[in-house]
Amino acid sequence: MTHNIHPTAYIAPNAQIGDNTRIGAFAVIESGVKIGANCNIGAHSIIQPFVVMGDNNTVHPQVVLGDLPQDLQFNVATVTYLQIGDGNVFREGFTAHRATKENSATVIGSHCYFMNNSHVAHDCHVGNKTIFANNVAIGGHVDVGNNVFMGGGVVAHQFCRIGAFAIVQGTTGLNMDVIPFTLIGGRPAKHYRLNSVGLRRAGIVGENYDILSKAFRLLRTRQSIDHLPETAELNILKDFISVKSKRGLHGFVEL
């Protein structure tokens, strides 16, 4: 096993470091941490106990992963986790916290990009290929789907859900759920239309796009979408709206 560890870095004796992982100057890797292969841990970054990280992650300087949840009821002796997939990028000042319940985890998927000073709170689940722009902050227990883009300065209230392939306009405040495949923004936040650019880039075009468009027009007028032809995207939408929301859904405008 080979590593490239700067002599000023601190590595706890029981931390597990994967092959070909680089750890920069003054980085701190604490007890119980597991880091996969081919990761790059930047200078002055801190990875705290019970962080489990996959392969090919890039952690820029001044990142803090796995700190205690910002929950006044949390017992610091409780063992909880921050689980991170593969191929993510965490830019300067990013923070993510452990979960609150014994043996539970805050979860970040794979191939996400978190820009500087963004934050993932305790008990959140973030999907794959999702982007947080600068200064995005999500509260506890927020669920973010795959392929979501959160614009700069977006904040999400605890227990909100942001559906797959949604795009959230910068500086939007979310205190209710965001329907998959949509563009949302404004103050108060409203669904404007389908995220047409994101869907096209993901190859969701032609008939599949048209079915989604029909579905949202029906939902806007509180009509059933069960009669529409089944597609993978429509099933994602149906699954999302079938779950009883803790926060409710943001309102519609013309789609």
Protein backbone atom coordinates (compact mmCIF):
# COMPACT_ATOMS: atom_id res chain seq x y z
CA MET A 1 0.00 0.00 0.00
CA THR A 2 1.37 3.42 -0.97
CA HIS A 3 0.47 6.86 0.36
CA ASN A 4 1.67 10.40 -0.08
CA ILE A 5 1.26 11.93 3.38
CA HIS A 6 2.80 15.28 4.30
CA PRO A 7 4.96 15.01 7.43
CA THR A 8 2.92 17.71 9.21
CA ALA A 9 -0.38 15.85 8.78
CA TYR A 10 -1.89 14.02 11.77
CA ILE A 11 -3.29 10.53 11.13
CA ALA A 12 -4.94 8.68 14.03
CA PRO A 13 -3.43 5.22 14.58
CA ASN A 14 -6.65 3.38 13.73
CA ALA A 15 -7.62 5.50 10.72
CA GLN A 16 -7.74 3.50 7.47
CA ILE A 17 -6.24 5.16 4.39
CA GLY A 18 -6.66 3.63 0.93
CA ASP A 19 -3.92 3.09 -1.61
CA ASN A 20 -2.51 6.09 -3.51
CA THR A 21 -4.34 8.61 -1.34
CA ARG A 22 -2.59 11.94 -0.81
CA ILE A 23 -2.91 13.90 2.47
CA GLY A 24 -1.71 17.50 2.52
CA ALA A 25 0.08 19.68 5.05
CA PHE A 26 -1.51 20.03 8.50
CA ALA A 27 -4.51 17.91 7.57
CA VAL A 28 -6.11 15.99 10.47
CA ILE A 29 -7.56 12.49 10.07
CA GLU A 30 -9.16 11.41 13.33
CA SER A 31 -9.99 8.08 14.96
CA GLY A 32 -12.37 5.71 13.19
CA VAL A 33 -12.07 7.34 9.77
CA LYS A 34 -12.00 5.22 6.61
CA ILE A 35 -10.77 6.84 3.38
CA GLY A 36 -10.76 4.97 0.09
CA ALA A 37 -8.14 4.79 -2.64
CA ASN A 38 -6.91 7.61 -4.87
CA CYS A 39 -8.34 10.41 -2.73
CA ASN A 40 -6.75 13.83 -2.34
CA ILE A 41 -7.13 15.39 1.13
CA GLY A 42 -6.11 19.06 1.03
CA ALA A 43 -4.02 21.07 3.47
CA HIS A 44 -5.64 22.07 6.77
CA SER A 45 -8.72 19.93 6.12
CA ILE A 46 -10.18 17.97 9.04
CA ILE A 47 -11.91 14.61 8.80
CA GLN A 48 -13.47 13.78 12.13
CA PRO A 49 -14.43 10.44 13.70
CA PHE A 50 -16.77 8.00 11.95
CA VAL A 51 -16.43 9.39 8.43
CA VAL A 52 -16.48 6.64 5.80
CA MET A 53 -15.36 7.84 2.37
CA GLY A 54 -15.10 5.96 -0.92
CA ASP A 55 -12.54 6.25 -3.71
CA ASN A 56 -11.39 9.18 -5.88
CA ASN A 57 -12.71 11.97 -3.68
CA THR A 58 -11.07 15.40 -3.71
CA VAL A 59 -11.16 17.39 -0.47
CA HIS A 60 -9.86 20.95 -0.86
CA PRO A 61 -8.19 22.94 1.94
CA GLN A 62 -10.17 24.01 5.03
CA VAL A 63 -12.92 21.41 4.57
CA VAL A 64 -14.40 19.84 7.73
CA LEU A 65 -16.16 16.49 7.38
CA GLY A 66 -18.04 14.66 10.12
CA ASP A 67 -18.27 17.22 12.89
CA LEU A 68 -20.96 16.84 15.56
CA PRO A 69 -24.54 17.63 14.49
CA GLN A 70 -25.84 21.07 15.40
CA ASP A 71 -28.60 19.58 17.54
CA LEU A 72 -28.91 20.65 21.18
CA GLN A 73 -30.30 17.22 22.10
CA PHE A 74 -27.30 15.31 20.70
CA ASN A 75 -25.26 13.22 23.11
CA VAL A 76 -21.61 13.48 22.08
CA ALA A 77 -21.05 9.83 23.10
CA THR A 78 -23.48 8.64 20.40
CA VAL A 79 -21.84 6.80 17.51
CA THR A 80 -23.15 8.12 14.21
CA TYR A 81 -21.64 8.42 10.76
CA LEU A 82 -21.03 10.50 7.68
CA GLN A 83 -21.00 8.22 4.65
CA ILE A 84 -19.57 9.52 1.37
CA GLY A 85 -19.48 7.74 -1.99
CA ASP A 86 -16.94 7.99 -4.80
CA GLY A 87 -15.65 10.75 -7.04
CA ASN A 88 -16.94 13.79 -5.14
CA VAL A 89 -15.34 17.22 -5.00
CA PHE A 90 -15.52 19.28 -1.80
CA ARG A 91 -14.30 22.84 -2.27
CA GLU A 92 -12.83 25.21 0.31
CA GLY A 93 -14.85 25.70 3.48
CA PHE A 94 -17.37 22.91 2.84
CA THR A 95 -18.83 21.26 5.94
CA ALA A 96 -20.94 18.15 6.53
CA HIS A 97 -22.12 16.80 9.87
CA ARG A 98 -22.77 13.34 11.27
CA ALA A 99 -26.28 12.02 11.93
CA THR A 100 -28.09 12.22 15.27
CA LYS A 101 -29.45 8.71 15.98
CA GLU A 102 -27.27 5.82 17.13
CA ASN A 103 -25.61 4.03 14.16
CA SER A 104 -27.43 6.20 11.61
CA ALA A 105 -25.69 8.23 8.91
CA THR A 106 -25.72 11.45 6.99
CA VAL A 107 -25.26 10.25 3.41
CA ILE A 108 -23.62 11.89 0.39
CA GLY A 109 -23.69 9.92 -2.86
CA SER A 110 -21.15 9.81 -5.68
CA HIS A 111 -19.88 12.27 -8.30
CA CYS A 112 -21.27 15.36 -6.57
CA TYR A 113 -19.66 18.80 -6.60
CA PHE A 114 -19.91 21.03 -3.53
CA MET A 115 -18.66 24.58 -4.06
CA ASN A 116 -17.03 26.72 -1.39
CA ASN A 117 -18.72 27.29 1.97
CA SER A 118 -21.67 25.01 1.22
CA HIS A 119 -23.09 22.86 4.03
CA VAL A 120 -24.86 19.52 4.50
CA ALA A 121 -26.48 19.21 7.93
CA HIS A 122 -27.11 16.15 10.10
CA ASP A 123 -29.26 13.28 8.83
CA CYS A 124 -29.40 14.59 5.25
CA HIS A 125 -29.33 12.35 2.20
CA VAL A 126 -27.78 13.78 -0.97
CA GLY A 127 -28.00 11.75 -4.17
CA ASN A 128 -25.55 11.27 -7.03
CA LYS A 129 -24.30 13.85 -9.56
CA THR A 130 -25.73 16.74 -7.58
CA ILE A 131 -24.18 20.22 -7.48
CA PHE A 132 -24.27 22.75 -4.64
CA ALA A 133 -23.10 26.20 -5.71
CA ASN A 134 -21.38 28.62 -3.31
CA ASN A 135 -22.96 29.10 0.13
CA VAL A 136 -25.78 26.58 -0.27
CA ALA A 137 -26.97 25.34 3.13
CA ILE A 138 -29.47 22.56 3.82
CA GLY A 139 -30.94 21.93 7.26
CA GLY A 140 -31.25 18.64 9.08
CA HIS A 141 -33.09 15.67 7.52
CA VAL A 142 -33.23 17.25 4.04
CA ASP A 143 -33.38 14.78 1.15
CA VAL A 144 -31.81 15.85 -2.15
CA GLY A 145 -32.26 13.64 -5.20
CA ASN A 146 -29.92 12.74 -8.04
CA ASN A 147 -28.80 15.30 -10.65
CA VAL A 148 -30.04 18.31 -8.68
CA PHE A 149 -28.49 21.76 -9.13
CA MET A 150 -28.74 24.18 -6.19
CA GLY A 151 -27.86 27.75 -7.15
CA GLY A 152 -25.70 30.05 -5.07
CA GLY A 153 -27.03 30.98 -1.65
CA VAL A 154 -29.96 28.53 -1.66
CA VAL A 155 -31.13 27.50 1.80
CA ALA A 156 -33.46 24.59 2.59
CA HIS A 157 -35.49 24.18 5.78
CA GLN A 158 -35.15 20.94 7.71
CA PHE A 159 -37.19 17.95 6.45
CA CYS A 160 -37.59 19.36 2.93
CA ARG A 161 -37.23 17.12 -0.11
CA ILE A 162 -35.71 18.28 -3.40
CA GLY A 163 -36.61 15.89 -6.21
CA ALA A 164 -34.28 14.46 -8.85
CA PHE A 165 -33.22 16.68 -11.78
CA ALA A 166 -34.59 19.82 -10.13
CA ILE A 167 -32.80 23.14 -10.49
CA VAL A 168 -33.17 25.71 -7.71
CA GLN A 169 -32.59 29.36 -8.60
CA GLY A 170 -29.86 31.12 -6.62
CA THR A 171 -30.80 32.78 -3.29
CA THR A 172 -34.10 30.86 -3.14
CA GLY A 173 -35.37 29.90 0.30
CA LEU A 174 -37.02 26.48 0.40
CA ASN A 175 -39.44 25.67 3.21
CA MET A 176 -41.48 23.07 1.29
CA ASP A 177 -40.74 20.21 -1.10
CA VAL A 178 -39.51 20.67 -4.67
CA ILE A 179 -41.05 18.42 -7.34
CA PRO A 180 -38.58 16.42 -9.49
CA PHE A 181 -37.59 17.69 -12.95
CA THR A 182 -38.62 21.29 -12.30
CA LEU A 183 -37.10 24.74 -12.17
CA ILE A 184 -38.03 26.57 -8.96
CA GLY A 185 -37.24 30.02 -7.67
CA GLY A 186 -38.61 33.33 -6.47
CA ARG A 187 -39.69 34.71 -3.11
CA PRO A 188 -41.83 32.89 -2.12
CA ALA A 189 -40.51 29.95 -4.13
CA LYS A 190 -42.67 28.59 -6.95
CA HIS A 191 -42.28 25.92 -9.61
CA TYR A 192 -41.91 27.71 -12.93
CA ARG A 193 -41.48 25.00 -15.56
CA LEU A 194 -39.64 21.83 -16.38
CA ASN A 195 -35.85 21.92 -16.06
CA SER A 196 -35.63 21.63 -19.85
CA VAL A 197 -31.87 22.25 -20.10
CA GLY A 198 -31.02 19.71 -17.42
CA LEU A 199 -33.39 17.13 -18.90
CA ARG A 200 -31.94 17.57 -22.37
CA ARG A 201 -28.41 17.15 -21.04
CA ALA A 202 -29.52 13.95 -19.30
CA GLY A 203 -31.02 12.60 -22.54
CA ILE A 204 -34.63 12.95 -21.37
CA VAL A 205 -36.07 14.21 -24.67
CA GLY A 206 -38.78 13.43 -27.19
CA GLU A 207 -41.71 11.36 -25.95
CA ASN A 208 -40.28 10.99 -22.44
CA TYR A 209 -40.03 14.75 -22.13
CA ASP A 210 -43.55 15.22 -23.52
CA ILE A 211 -44.97 12.77 -20.97
CA LEU A 212 -43.34 14.68 -18.13
CA SER A 213 -44.70 17.94 -19.51
CA LYS A 214 -48.23 16.49 -19.61
CA ALA A 215 -47.82 15.15 -16.09
CA PHE A 216 -46.90 18.55 -14.66
CA ARG A 217 -49.77 20.28 -16.40
CA LEU A 218 -52.14 17.73 -14.90
CA LEU A 219 -50.61 18.05 -11.43
CA ARG A 220 -50.92 21.82 -11.60
CA THR A 221 -54.68 21.46 -11.97
CA ARG A 222 -54.80 18.67 -9.35
CA GLN A 223 -55.61 15.94 -11.89
CA SER A 224 -54.43 12.32 -11.89
CA ILE A 225 -51.36 11.28 -13.88
CA ASP A 226 -52.01 7.54 -13.55
CA HIS A 227 -53.29 7.17 -17.13
CA LEU A 228 -50.08 8.48 -18.73
CA PRO A 229 -47.71 6.00 -20.46
CA GLU A 230 -45.20 4.57 -17.99
CA THR A 231 -41.63 5.78 -18.20
CA ALA A 232 -38.71 5.68 -15.77
CA GLU A 233 -39.01 9.43 -15.23
CA LEU A 234 -42.75 9.28 -14.61
CA ASN A 235 -42.18 6.56 -12.02
CA ILE A 236 -39.68 8.83 -10.23
CA LEU A 237 -42.34 11.54 -10.18
CA LYS A 238 -45.06 9.19 -8.96
CA ASP A 239 -42.84 7.81 -6.21
CA PHE A 240 -42.02 11.33 -5.04
CA ILE A 241 -45.62 12.57 -4.81
CA SER A 242 -46.81 9.30 -3.26
CA VAL A 243 -44.75 9.96 -0.11
CA LYS A 244 -46.60 12.00 2.47
CA SER A 245 -44.72 15.27 2.72
CA LYS A 246 -43.73 16.68 6.08
CA ARG A 247 -43.47 20.19 4.64
CA GLY A 248 -45.98 20.29 1.76
CA LEU A 249 -45.25 21.22 -1.85
CA HIS A 250 -44.19 24.61 -3.16
CA GLY A 251 -46.85 26.22 -5.36
CA PHE A 252 -47.08 26.12 -9.13
CA VAL A 253 -46.96 28.86 -11.71
CA GLU A 254 -47.23 28.26 -15.46
CA LEU A 255 -45.14 25.25 -16.50
